[in-house]
Amino acid sequence: MTAARRDTYTPETLLAVAVQVFNERGYDGTSMEHLSRAAGISKSSIYHHVAGKEELLHRAVARALDGLFGILEEPGAVNGRPIEQVEYVTRRTVEVLVSELPYVTLLLRVRGNTRTERWAMERRREFDQRVSDLLKAAAADGDIRSDVDIRLATRLLFGMVNSLVEWYRPHAGGGADQDQLAEAVVRMAFEGLRT
């Protein structure tokens, strides 16, 4: 491996390779050797950028979480009626999922086997709770049916959104673009299928 090749790797490009390998092999099934081969650089070159595999995982899931939590600070998520806020958050969550697909996919696949995974799962629960609070406020305003269990509605809503990582492929052709997809999810969740 030449020095010129090593110099072309940055922490960001290394992170992208690591996320791809983690998603293909699973985090637990990935070794530093796997990462080294996939990146085409030595393990010592990887250690030049990061302390180890878990730091790469932390950076990856933090990127996904930062995108999701950033939504909650946007004007559309804090202004207007709670139903409008939750629709906005749902739409933007789909958009972040699509734009950060490999990172969000990894976030949704962590199982709690490491400190980083447990931290990521706790942050996901916190995000879900914030959305649940918006749904509760919308129900209190009379904008959501009173017979809907809010915890169940939150799980179903994000189950639908999170399922996108399993089947959505932006470059596969013939599929919906990010805006169409976000709009379809919001309409399905808040208006249903009936005419």
N, C-alpha and C. Protein backbone atom coordinates (compact mmCIF):
# COMPACT_ATOMS: atom_id res chain seq x y z
N MET A 1 0.85 -1.17 0.00
CA MET A 1 0.00 0.00 0.00
C MET A 1 0.89 1.24 0.00
N THR A 2 0.63 2.15 -0.89
CA THR A 2 1.47 3.34 -1.02
C THR A 2 1.01 4.42 -0.06
N ALA A 3 1.93 5.33 0.23
CA ALA A 3 1.60 6.44 1.12
C ALA A 3 0.53 7.32 0.49
N ALA A 4 0.56 7.46 -0.83
CA ALA A 4 -0.44 8.28 -1.50
C ALA A 4 -1.85 7.72 -1.27
N ARG A 5 -1.99 6.41 -1.31
CA ARG A 5 -3.29 5.77 -1.09
C ARG A 5 -3.78 6.06 0.32
N ARG A 6 -2.88 5.91 1.30
CA ARG A 6 -3.27 6.16 2.69
C ARG A 6 -3.70 7.61 2.90
N ASP A 7 -3.00 8.52 2.23
CA ASP A 7 -3.31 9.94 2.41
C ASP A 7 -4.69 10.30 1.87
N THR A 8 -5.25 9.47 1.00
CA THR A 8 -6.56 9.78 0.45
C THR A 8 -7.68 9.43 1.43
N TYR A 9 -7.38 8.65 2.45
CA TYR A 9 -8.40 8.31 3.42
C TYR A 9 -8.51 9.39 4.47
N THR A 10 -9.75 9.77 4.75
CA THR A 10 -10.04 10.74 5.80
C THR A 10 -10.90 10.02 6.84
N PRO A 11 -11.06 10.60 8.01
CA PRO A 11 -11.96 9.97 8.98
C PRO A 11 -13.37 9.78 8.41
N GLU A 12 -13.83 10.72 7.58
CA GLU A 12 -15.18 10.63 7.02
C GLU A 12 -15.29 9.47 6.01
N THR A 13 -14.32 9.32 5.14
CA THR A 13 -14.39 8.23 4.16
C THR A 13 -14.20 6.88 4.85
N LEU A 14 -13.36 6.84 5.85
CA LEU A 14 -13.19 5.61 6.62
C LEU A 14 -14.49 5.25 7.33
N LEU A 15 -15.18 6.24 7.86
CA LEU A 15 -16.45 6.01 8.53
C LEU A 15 -17.47 5.43 7.55
N ALA A 16 -17.52 5.96 6.34
CA ALA A 16 -18.47 5.46 5.34
C ALA A 16 -18.21 3.99 5.02
N VAL A 17 -16.94 3.61 4.91
CA VAL A 17 -16.59 2.21 4.65
C VAL A 17 -16.99 1.35 5.85
N ALA A 18 -16.69 1.82 7.05
CA ALA A 18 -17.03 1.05 8.25
C ALA A 18 -18.53 0.82 8.36
N VAL A 19 -19.32 1.84 8.08
CA VAL A 19 -20.77 1.71 8.15
C VAL A 19 -21.26 0.67 7.15
N GLN A 20 -20.70 0.70 5.96
CA GLN A 20 -21.09 -0.29 4.94
C GLN A 20 -20.77 -1.71 5.43
N VAL A 21 -19.59 -1.90 5.99
CA VAL A 21 -19.19 -3.23 6.47
C VAL A 21 -20.04 -3.64 7.68
N PHE A 22 -20.28 -2.72 8.61
CA PHE A 22 -21.13 -3.03 9.77
C PHE A 22 -22.52 -3.45 9.31
N ASN A 23 -23.07 -2.75 8.32
CA ASN A 23 -24.40 -3.09 7.83
C ASN A 23 -24.43 -4.43 7.11
N GLU A 24 -23.35 -4.77 6.43
CA GLU A 24 -23.29 -6.06 5.72
C GLU A 24 -23.03 -7.23 6.66
N ARG A 25 -22.11 -7.08 7.58
CA ARG A 25 -21.66 -8.18 8.43
C ARG A 25 -22.26 -8.15 9.84
N GLY A 26 -22.83 -7.03 10.22
CA GLY A 26 -23.23 -6.82 11.60
C GLY A 26 -22.04 -6.28 12.37
N TYR A 27 -22.31 -5.48 13.37
CA TYR A 27 -21.20 -4.90 14.13
C TYR A 27 -20.38 -5.99 14.82
N ASP A 28 -21.06 -6.92 15.48
CA ASP A 28 -20.34 -7.98 16.19
C ASP A 28 -19.57 -8.88 15.24
N GLY A 29 -20.04 -9.03 14.02
CA GLY A 29 -19.38 -9.89 13.04
C GLY A 29 -18.27 -9.21 12.27
N THR A 30 -17.98 -7.97 12.60
CA THR A 30 -16.95 -7.21 11.89
C THR A 30 -15.70 -7.10 12.75
N SER A 31 -14.58 -7.44 12.17
CA SER A 31 -13.29 -7.29 12.85
C SER A 31 -12.53 -6.12 12.23
N MET A 32 -11.48 -5.71 12.89
CA MET A 32 -10.63 -4.67 12.32
C MET A 32 -10.00 -5.16 11.01
N GLU A 33 -9.78 -6.45 10.91
CA GLU A 33 -9.25 -7.02 9.66
C GLU A 33 -10.26 -6.83 8.52
N HIS A 34 -11.54 -7.06 8.80
CA HIS A 34 -12.57 -6.82 7.79
C HIS A 34 -12.57 -5.36 7.35
N LEU A 35 -12.47 -4.46 8.31
CA LEU A 35 -12.46 -3.03 7.99
C LEU A 35 -11.23 -2.65 7.19
N SER A 36 -10.10 -3.21 7.56
CA SER A 36 -8.85 -2.95 6.85
C SER A 36 -8.95 -3.39 5.40
N ARG A 37 -9.45 -4.59 5.18
CA ARG A 37 -9.59 -5.10 3.80
C ARG A 37 -10.57 -4.26 3.00
N ALA A 38 -11.69 -3.92 3.59
CA ALA A 38 -12.71 -3.14 2.87
C ALA A 38 -12.19 -1.75 2.51
N ALA A 39 -11.43 -1.16 3.40
CA ALA A 39 -10.90 0.18 3.16
C ALA A 39 -9.66 0.15 2.26
N GLY A 40 -9.03 -1.00 2.18
CA GLY A 40 -7.81 -1.09 1.39
C GLY A 40 -6.63 -0.40 2.04
N ILE A 41 -6.67 -0.33 3.37
CA ILE A 41 -5.56 0.26 4.12
C ILE A 41 -5.23 -0.66 5.30
N SER A 42 -4.07 -0.45 5.86
CA SER A 42 -3.65 -1.30 6.97
C SER A 42 -4.43 -0.98 8.24
N LYS A 43 -4.44 -1.94 9.17
CA LYS A 43 -5.09 -1.70 10.45
C LYS A 43 -4.43 -0.53 11.18
N SER A 44 -3.10 -0.42 11.07
CA SER A 44 -2.41 0.69 11.74
C SER A 44 -2.86 2.04 11.16
N SER A 45 -3.19 2.07 9.86
CA SER A 45 -3.71 3.31 9.28
C SER A 45 -5.08 3.64 9.84
N ILE A 46 -5.89 2.62 10.08
CA ILE A 46 -7.19 2.85 10.69
C ILE A 46 -7.00 3.42 12.10
N TYR A 47 -6.07 2.81 12.85
CA TYR A 47 -5.83 3.27 14.21
C TYR A 47 -5.23 4.69 14.23
N HIS A 48 -4.70 5.14 13.11
CA HIS A 48 -4.23 6.52 13.02
C HIS A 48 -5.43 7.48 13.11
N HIS A 49 -6.60 7.04 12.62
CA HIS A 49 -7.79 7.88 12.60
C HIS A 49 -8.71 7.67 13.80
N VAL A 50 -8.78 6.44 14.32
CA VAL A 50 -9.71 6.13 15.41
C VAL A 50 -9.06 5.18 16.40
N ALA A 51 -9.63 5.14 17.61
CA ALA A 51 -9.12 4.26 18.65
C ALA A 51 -9.48 2.80 18.39
N GLY A 52 -10.55 2.58 17.62
CA GLY A 52 -10.97 1.21 17.35
C GLY A 52 -12.35 1.16 16.74
N LYS A 53 -12.83 -0.04 16.61
CA LYS A 53 -14.11 -0.33 15.97
C LYS A 53 -15.28 0.38 16.66
N GLU A 54 -15.26 0.40 17.99
CA GLU A 54 -16.39 1.02 18.70
C GLU A 54 -16.44 2.53 18.49
N GLU A 55 -15.30 3.16 18.32
CA GLU A 55 -15.31 4.59 18.03
C GLU A 55 -15.98 4.85 16.67
N LEU A 56 -15.72 3.98 15.70
CA LEU A 56 -16.37 4.11 14.40
C LEU A 56 -17.89 3.94 14.55
N LEU A 57 -18.30 2.96 15.35
CA LEU A 57 -19.72 2.76 15.60
C LEU A 57 -20.33 4.00 16.25
N HIS A 58 -19.64 4.54 17.25
CA HIS A 58 -20.15 5.71 17.95
C HIS A 58 -20.31 6.89 17.00
N ARG A 59 -19.32 7.12 16.18
CA ARG A 59 -19.40 8.23 15.22
C ARG A 59 -20.57 8.04 14.26
N ALA A 60 -20.76 6.81 13.82
CA ALA A 60 -21.82 6.52 12.85
C ALA A 60 -23.20 6.72 13.44
N VAL A 61 -23.45 6.14 14.61
CA VAL A 61 -24.79 6.27 15.19
C VAL A 61 -25.02 7.68 15.70
N ALA A 62 -23.96 8.37 16.13
CA ALA A 62 -24.10 9.77 16.55
C ALA A 62 -24.52 10.63 15.37
N ARG A 63 -23.98 10.34 14.20
CA ARG A 63 -24.37 11.10 12.99
C ARG A 63 -25.87 10.93 12.73
N ALA A 64 -26.36 9.70 12.82
CA ALA A 64 -27.79 9.45 12.61
C ALA A 64 -28.62 10.14 13.69
N LEU A 65 -28.22 10.00 14.93
CA LEU A 65 -28.96 10.61 16.04
C LEU A 65 -28.95 12.13 15.98
N ASP A 66 -27.82 12.71 15.61
CA ASP A 66 -27.75 14.17 15.47
C ASP A 66 -28.74 14.66 14.42
N GLY A 67 -28.85 13.90 13.33
CA GLY A 67 -29.82 14.27 12.30
C GLY A 67 -31.24 14.21 12.82
N LEU A 68 -31.57 13.16 13.56
CA LEU A 68 -32.92 13.01 14.09
C LEU A 68 -33.23 14.06 15.16
N PHE A 69 -32.33 14.24 16.09
CA PHE A 69 -32.59 15.22 17.16
C PHE A 69 -32.58 16.66 16.63
N GLY A 70 -31.83 16.89 15.56
CA GLY A 70 -31.83 18.21 14.94
C GLY A 70 -33.22 18.59 14.45
N ILE A 71 -33.98 17.61 14.00
CA ILE A 71 -35.35 17.84 13.53
C ILE A 71 -36.18 18.49 14.63
N LEU A 72 -36.02 18.00 15.86
CA LEU A 72 -36.84 18.46 16.98
C LEU A 72 -36.61 19.92 17.34
N GLU A 73 -35.53 20.50 16.82
CA GLU A 73 -35.22 21.91 17.10
C GLU A 73 -35.64 22.82 15.95
N GLU A 74 -36.06 22.25 14.83
CA GLU A 74 -36.44 23.05 13.67
C GLU A 74 -37.77 23.76 13.93
N PRO A 75 -37.98 24.93 13.32
CA PRO A 75 -39.21 25.69 13.57
C PRO A 75 -40.49 24.87 13.35
N GLY A 76 -40.55 24.04 12.34
CA GLY A 76 -41.74 23.24 12.08
C GLY A 76 -42.05 22.24 13.18
N ALA A 77 -41.05 21.89 13.97
CA ALA A 77 -41.25 20.92 15.06
C ALA A 77 -41.63 21.58 16.37
N VAL A 78 -41.51 22.90 16.44
CA VAL A 78 -41.79 23.57 17.71
C VAL A 78 -42.87 24.65 17.60
N ASN A 79 -43.26 24.99 16.37
CA ASN A 79 -44.28 26.02 16.17
C ASN A 79 -45.54 25.40 15.59
N GLY A 80 -46.67 26.01 15.90
CA GLY A 80 -47.94 25.54 15.37
C GLY A 80 -48.61 24.55 16.31
N ARG A 81 -49.70 23.98 15.81
CA ARG A 81 -50.45 23.00 16.60
C ARG A 81 -49.63 21.72 16.72
N PRO A 82 -49.78 20.99 17.81
CA PRO A 82 -49.03 19.73 17.98
C PRO A 82 -49.20 18.75 16.82
N ILE A 83 -50.41 18.67 16.22
CA ILE A 83 -50.61 17.75 15.10
C ILE A 83 -49.74 18.16 13.92
N GLU A 84 -49.61 19.47 13.69
CA GLU A 84 -48.74 19.96 12.61
C GLU A 84 -47.28 19.67 12.93
N GLN A 85 -46.92 19.80 14.20
CA GLN A 85 -45.55 19.51 14.61
C GLN A 85 -45.21 18.04 14.40
N VAL A 86 -46.11 17.14 14.79
CA VAL A 86 -45.82 15.71 14.65
C VAL A 86 -45.81 15.30 13.18
N GLU A 87 -46.65 15.90 12.37
CA GLU A 87 -46.59 15.63 10.93
C GLU A 87 -45.27 16.11 10.35
N TYR A 88 -44.84 17.28 10.78
CA TYR A 88 -43.56 17.82 10.32
C TYR A 88 -42.41 16.89 10.73
N VAL A 89 -42.41 16.48 12.00
CA VAL A 89 -41.35 15.60 12.50
C VAL A 89 -41.35 14.28 11.74
N THR A 90 -42.52 13.74 11.46
CA THR A 90 -42.61 12.49 10.72
C THR A 90 -42.03 12.66 9.31
N ARG A 91 -42.44 13.71 8.63
CA ARG A 91 -41.94 13.99 7.27
C ARG A 91 -40.42 14.14 7.28
N ARG A 92 -39.93 14.93 8.20
CA ARG A 92 -38.48 15.18 8.27
C ARG A 92 -37.70 13.94 8.70
N THR A 93 -38.32 13.10 9.52
CA THR A 93 -37.65 11.85 9.92
C THR A 93 -37.44 10.97 8.69
N VAL A 94 -38.43 10.89 7.83
CA VAL A 94 -38.28 10.13 6.59
C VAL A 94 -37.16 10.74 5.75
N GLU A 95 -37.12 12.05 5.65
CA GLU A 95 -36.09 12.72 4.85
C GLU A 95 -34.70 12.46 5.40
N VAL A 96 -34.53 12.52 6.72
CA VAL A 96 -33.23 12.24 7.32
C VAL A 96 -32.87 10.77 7.11
N LEU A 97 -33.83 9.89 7.28
CA LEU A 97 -33.57 8.47 7.06
C LEU A 97 -33.06 8.24 5.64
N VAL A 98 -33.70 8.86 4.66
CA VAL A 98 -33.28 8.67 3.27
C VAL A 98 -31.91 9.29 3.02
N SER A 99 -31.68 10.49 3.52
CA SER A 99 -30.41 11.17 3.25
C SER A 99 -29.24 10.54 4.01
N GLU A 100 -29.52 9.91 5.13
CA GLU A 100 -28.48 9.27 5.94
C GLU A 100 -28.73 7.76 6.04
N LEU A 101 -29.24 7.17 4.98
CA LEU A 101 -29.72 5.79 5.01
C LEU A 101 -28.75 4.78 5.64
N PRO A 102 -27.47 4.73 5.24
CA PRO A 102 -26.59 3.73 5.86
C PRO A 102 -26.41 3.95 7.37
N TYR A 103 -26.35 5.21 7.78
CA TYR A 103 -26.13 5.54 9.20
C TYR A 103 -27.37 5.22 10.03
N VAL A 104 -28.54 5.56 9.52
CA VAL A 104 -29.78 5.26 10.24
C VAL A 104 -30.01 3.75 10.25
N THR A 105 -29.69 3.07 9.16
CA THR A 105 -29.80 1.61 9.12
C THR A 105 -28.98 1.00 10.25
N LEU A 106 -27.76 1.44 10.39
CA LEU A 106 -26.90 0.94 11.46
C LEU A 106 -27.49 1.25 12.83
N LEU A 107 -27.97 2.48 13.01
CA LEU A 107 -28.60 2.86 14.28
C LEU A 107 -29.74 1.92 14.63
N LEU A 108 -30.56 1.60 13.65
CA LEU A 108 -31.73 0.75 13.91
C LEU A 108 -31.36 -0.71 14.15
N ARG A 109 -30.15 -1.09 13.83
CA ARG A 109 -29.72 -2.48 14.00
C ARG A 109 -28.91 -2.73 15.27
N VAL A 110 -28.56 -1.69 16.01
CA VAL A 110 -27.79 -1.93 17.24
C VAL A 110 -28.64 -2.68 18.25
N ARG A 111 -28.02 -3.55 19.01
CA ARG A 111 -28.76 -4.45 19.91
C ARG A 111 -28.41 -4.28 21.38
N GLY A 112 -27.51 -3.40 21.72
CA GLY A 112 -27.22 -3.17 23.13
C GLY A 112 -26.08 -4.00 23.69
N ASN A 113 -25.23 -4.54 22.83
CA ASN A 113 -24.13 -5.39 23.30
C ASN A 113 -22.91 -4.61 23.77
N THR A 114 -22.82 -3.34 23.44
CA THR A 114 -21.68 -2.51 23.86
C THR A 114 -22.21 -1.25 24.52
N ARG A 115 -21.33 -0.53 25.13
CA ARG A 115 -21.70 0.74 25.76
C ARG A 115 -22.27 1.70 24.71
N THR A 116 -21.64 1.76 23.55
CA THR A 116 -22.12 2.64 22.47
C THR A 116 -23.51 2.23 22.02
N GLU A 117 -23.75 0.94 21.87
CA GLU A 117 -25.06 0.47 21.45
C GLU A 117 -26.13 0.80 22.49
N ARG A 118 -25.81 0.64 23.75
CA ARG A 118 -26.77 0.96 24.81
C ARG A 118 -27.07 2.45 24.82
N TRP A 119 -26.04 3.27 24.64
CA TRP A 119 -26.22 4.72 24.55
C TRP A 119 -27.13 5.07 23.38
N ALA A 120 -26.89 4.46 22.22
CA ALA A 120 -27.69 4.74 21.02
C ALA A 120 -29.15 4.33 21.24
N MET A 121 -29.37 3.19 21.86
CA MET A 121 -30.73 2.73 22.11
C MET A 121 -31.45 3.67 23.08
N GLU A 122 -30.74 4.16 24.07
CA GLU A 122 -31.34 5.10 25.02
C GLU A 122 -31.72 6.40 24.31
N ARG A 123 -30.86 6.88 23.44
CA ARG A 123 -31.16 8.10 22.68
C ARG A 123 -32.35 7.89 21.75
N ARG A 124 -32.45 6.71 21.13
CA ARG A 124 -33.61 6.40 20.28
C ARG A 124 -34.89 6.44 21.10
N ARG A 125 -34.84 5.86 22.31
CA ARG A 125 -36.02 5.89 23.18
C ARG A 125 -36.40 7.33 23.54
N GLU A 126 -35.39 8.16 23.77
CA GLU A 126 -35.64 9.57 24.09
C GLU A 126 -36.31 10.27 22.90
N PHE A 127 -35.84 10.01 21.69
CA PHE A 127 -36.46 10.59 20.50
C PHE A 127 -37.91 10.13 20.38
N ASP A 128 -38.14 8.84 20.54
CA ASP A 128 -39.50 8.29 20.47
C ASP A 128 -40.40 8.93 21.52
N GLN A 129 -39.87 9.18 22.72
CA GLN A 129 -40.65 9.79 23.79
C GLN A 129 -41.04 11.22 23.43
N ARG A 130 -40.12 11.93 22.80
CA ARG A 130 -40.43 13.31 22.39
C ARG A 130 -41.55 13.33 21.36
N VAL A 131 -41.53 12.37 20.43
CA VAL A 131 -42.60 12.28 19.43
C VAL A 131 -43.90 11.86 20.11
N SER A 132 -43.83 10.93 21.03
CA SER A 132 -45.00 10.49 21.77
C SER A 132 -45.64 11.66 22.52
N ASP A 133 -44.82 12.53 23.08
CA ASP A 133 -45.33 13.72 23.77
C ASP A 133 -46.09 14.63 22.81
N LEU A 134 -45.58 14.76 21.58
CA LEU A 134 -46.29 15.56 20.57
C LEU A 134 -47.64 14.92 20.24
N LEU A 135 -47.66 13.60 20.10
CA LEU A 135 -48.91 12.90 19.82
C LEU A 135 -49.91 13.08 20.97
N LYS A 136 -49.42 13.02 22.20
CA LYS A 136 -50.29 13.24 23.36
C LYS A 136 -50.89 14.63 23.33
N ALA A 137 -50.07 15.61 23.00
CA ALA A 137 -50.56 16.99 22.93
C ALA A 137 -51.58 17.14 21.80
N ALA A 138 -51.35 16.46 20.68
CA ALA A 138 -52.32 16.50 19.57
C ALA A 138 -53.63 15.84 19.98
N ALA A 139 -53.55 14.76 20.74
CA ALA A 139 -54.76 14.09 21.23
C ALA A 139 -55.50 15.00 22.20
N ALA A 140 -54.76 15.68 23.07
CA ALA A 140 -55.39 16.59 24.03
C ALA A 140 -56.09 17.75 23.32
N ASP A 141 -55.57 18.14 22.16
CA ASP A 141 -56.20 19.20 21.37
C ASP A 141 -57.39 18.69 20.57
N GLY A 142 -57.61 17.38 20.58
CA GLY A 142 -58.71 16.81 19.82
C GLY A 142 -58.39 16.56 18.35
N ASP A 143 -57.11 16.62 17.98
CA ASP A 143 -56.71 16.43 16.59
C ASP A 143 -56.37 14.98 16.24
N ILE A 144 -56.35 14.11 17.24
CA ILE A 144 -56.13 12.68 17.05
C ILE A 144 -57.26 11.97 17.78
N ARG A 145 -57.72 10.90 17.19
CA ARG A 145 -58.82 10.15 17.81
C ARG A 145 -58.51 9.83 19.27
N SER A 146 -59.50 9.95 20.10
CA SER A 146 -59.32 9.73 21.54
C SER A 146 -59.18 8.25 21.88
N ASP A 147 -59.59 7.36 20.98
CA ASP A 147 -59.51 5.93 21.26
C ASP A 147 -58.16 5.32 20.84
N VAL A 148 -57.22 6.15 20.45
CA VAL A 148 -55.91 5.66 20.01
C VAL A 148 -54.95 5.64 21.20
N ASP A 149 -54.32 4.49 21.43
CA ASP A 149 -53.28 4.37 22.45
C ASP A 149 -52.02 5.07 21.91
N ILE A 150 -51.59 6.12 22.57
CA ILE A 150 -50.49 6.94 22.07
C ILE A 150 -49.18 6.16 21.97
N ARG A 151 -48.89 5.33 22.97
CA ARG A 151 -47.65 4.53 22.91
C ARG A 151 -47.67 3.60 21.71
N LEU A 152 -48.82 2.95 21.49
CA LEU A 152 -48.95 2.06 20.35
C LEU A 152 -48.86 2.85 19.04
N ALA A 153 -49.52 4.00 18.99
CA ALA A 153 -49.47 4.83 17.78
C ALA A 153 -48.04 5.26 17.47
N THR A 154 -47.27 5.62 18.50
CA THR A 154 -45.87 6.01 18.30
C THR A 154 -45.08 4.84 17.73
N ARG A 155 -45.27 3.66 18.31
CA ARG A 155 -44.54 2.48 17.82
C ARG A 155 -44.92 2.14 16.38
N LEU A 156 -46.21 2.20 16.08
CA LEU A 156 -46.65 1.89 14.72
C LEU A 156 -46.13 2.93 13.72
N LEU A 157 -46.20 4.20 14.10
CA LEU A 157 -45.72 5.26 13.22
C LEU A 157 -44.24 5.06 12.90
N PHE A 158 -43.43 4.86 13.94
CA PHE A 158 -42.01 4.72 13.70
C PHE A 158 -41.63 3.33 13.20
N GLY A 159 -42.48 2.35 13.43
CA GLY A 159 -42.28 1.06 12.79
C GLY A 159 -42.40 1.20 11.28
N MET A 160 -43.38 1.98 10.85
CA MET A 160 -43.56 2.23 9.42
C MET A 160 -42.36 3.01 8.87
N VAL A 161 -41.99 4.07 9.53
CA VAL A 161 -40.86 4.88 9.06
C VAL A 161 -39.57 4.05 9.06
N ASN A 162 -39.31 3.36 10.16
CA ASN A 162 -38.05 2.61 10.27
C ASN A 162 -37.96 1.44 9.31
N SER A 163 -39.12 0.92 8.87
CA SER A 163 -39.09 -0.19 7.92
C SER A 163 -38.47 0.22 6.59
N LEU A 164 -38.40 1.50 6.31
CA LEU A 164 -37.82 1.98 5.06
C LEU A 164 -36.38 1.50 4.87
N VAL A 165 -35.65 1.35 5.98
CA VAL A 165 -34.25 0.93 5.83
C VAL A 165 -34.14 -0.48 5.25
N GLU A 166 -35.20 -1.26 5.37
CA GLU A 166 -35.16 -2.63 4.89
C GLU A 166 -35.47 -2.76 3.40
N TRP A 167 -36.19 -1.81 2.84
CA TRP A 167 -36.57 -1.97 1.45
C TRP A 167 -36.29 -0.78 0.54
N TYR A 168 -36.14 0.41 1.09
CA TYR A 168 -35.95 1.58 0.24
C TYR A 168 -34.53 1.62 -0.31
N ARG A 169 -34.42 1.71 -1.62
CA ARG A 169 -33.14 1.83 -2.30
C ARG A 169 -33.23 3.01 -3.26
N PRO A 170 -32.62 4.14 -2.90
CA PRO A 170 -32.80 5.36 -3.68
C PRO A 170 -32.31 5.27 -5.12
N HIS A 171 -31.37 4.41 -5.40
CA HIS A 171 -30.81 4.34 -6.75
C HIS A 171 -31.30 3.13 -7.52
N ALA A 172 -32.32 2.45 -7.01
CA ALA A 172 -32.80 1.23 -7.66
C ALA A 172 -33.69 1.54 -8.87
N GLY A 173 -34.13 2.75 -9.01
CA GLY A 173 -34.96 3.13 -10.15
C GLY A 173 -36.41 2.78 -9.91
N GLY A 174 -37.29 3.62 -10.38
CA GLY A 174 -38.72 3.36 -10.29
C GLY A 174 -39.34 3.62 -8.93
N GLY A 175 -38.54 3.95 -7.94
CA GLY A 175 -39.08 4.18 -6.60
C GLY A 175 -39.40 5.65 -6.38
N ALA A 176 -40.04 5.91 -5.28
CA ALA A 176 -40.40 7.28 -4.93
C ALA A 176 -39.15 8.05 -4.53
N ASP A 177 -39.17 9.36 -4.81
CA ASP A 177 -38.07 10.17 -4.32
C ASP A 177 -38.34 10.52 -2.86
N GLN A 178 -37.40 11.18 -2.25
CA GLN A 178 -37.46 11.48 -0.81
C GLN A 178 -38.73 12.24 -0.44
N ASP A 179 -39.10 13.26 -1.20
CA ASP A 179 -40.29 14.06 -0.88
C ASP A 179 -41.57 13.25 -1.05
N GLN A 180 -41.66 12.45 -2.12
CA GLN A 180 -42.84 11.61 -2.35
C GLN A 180 -42.99 10.59 -1.23
N LEU A 181 -41.87 10.01 -0.83
CA LEU A 181 -41.87 9.01 0.22
C LEU A 181 -42.33 9.62 1.54
N ALA A 182 -41.78 10.77 1.88
CA ALA A 182 -42.15 11.44 3.13
C ALA A 182 -43.64 11.79 3.13
N GLU A 183 -44.12 12.30 2.01
CA GLU A 183 -45.53 12.67 1.91
C GLU A 183 -46.42 11.44 2.01
N ALA A 184 -46.03 10.33 1.38
CA ALA A 184 -46.82 9.10 1.44
C ALA A 184 -46.92 8.58 2.87
N VAL A 185 -45.82 8.62 3.62
CA VAL A 185 -45.83 8.16 5.01
C VAL A 185 -46.75 9.04 5.85
N VAL A 186 -46.66 10.35 5.69
CA VAL A 186 -47.50 11.27 6.48
C VAL A 186 -48.97 11.06 6.14
N ARG A 187 -49.29 10.94 4.85
CA ARG A 187 -50.69 10.74 4.46
C ARG A 187 -51.22 9.42 5.00
N MET A 188 -50.42 8.36 4.88
CA MET A 188 -50.84 7.04 5.36
C MET A 188 -51.08 7.09 6.88
N ALA A 189 -50.16 7.70 7.59
CA ALA A 189 -50.26 7.72 9.06
C ALA A 189 -51.39 8.61 9.56
N PHE A 190 -51.60 9.74 8.91
CA PHE A 190 -52.54 10.71 9.47
C PHE A 190 -53.88 10.77 8.73
N GLU A 191 -53.95 10.17 7.55
CA GLU A 191 -55.22 10.17 6.82
C GLU A 191 -55.74 8.77 6.55
N GLY A 192 -54.88 7.78 6.58
CA GLY A 192 -55.29 6.40 6.36
C GLY A 192 -55.43 6.05 4.89
N LEU A 193 -55.97 4.88 4.62
CA LEU A 193 -56.10 4.37 3.26
C LEU A 193 -57.45 4.63 2.65
N ARG A 194 -58.46 4.81 3.46
CA ARG A 194 -59.81 4.96 2.92
C ARG A 194 -59.98 6.25 2.14
N THR A 195 -60.86 6.19 1.15
CA THR A 195 -61.15 7.41 0.36
C THR A 195 -62.14 8.27 1.12
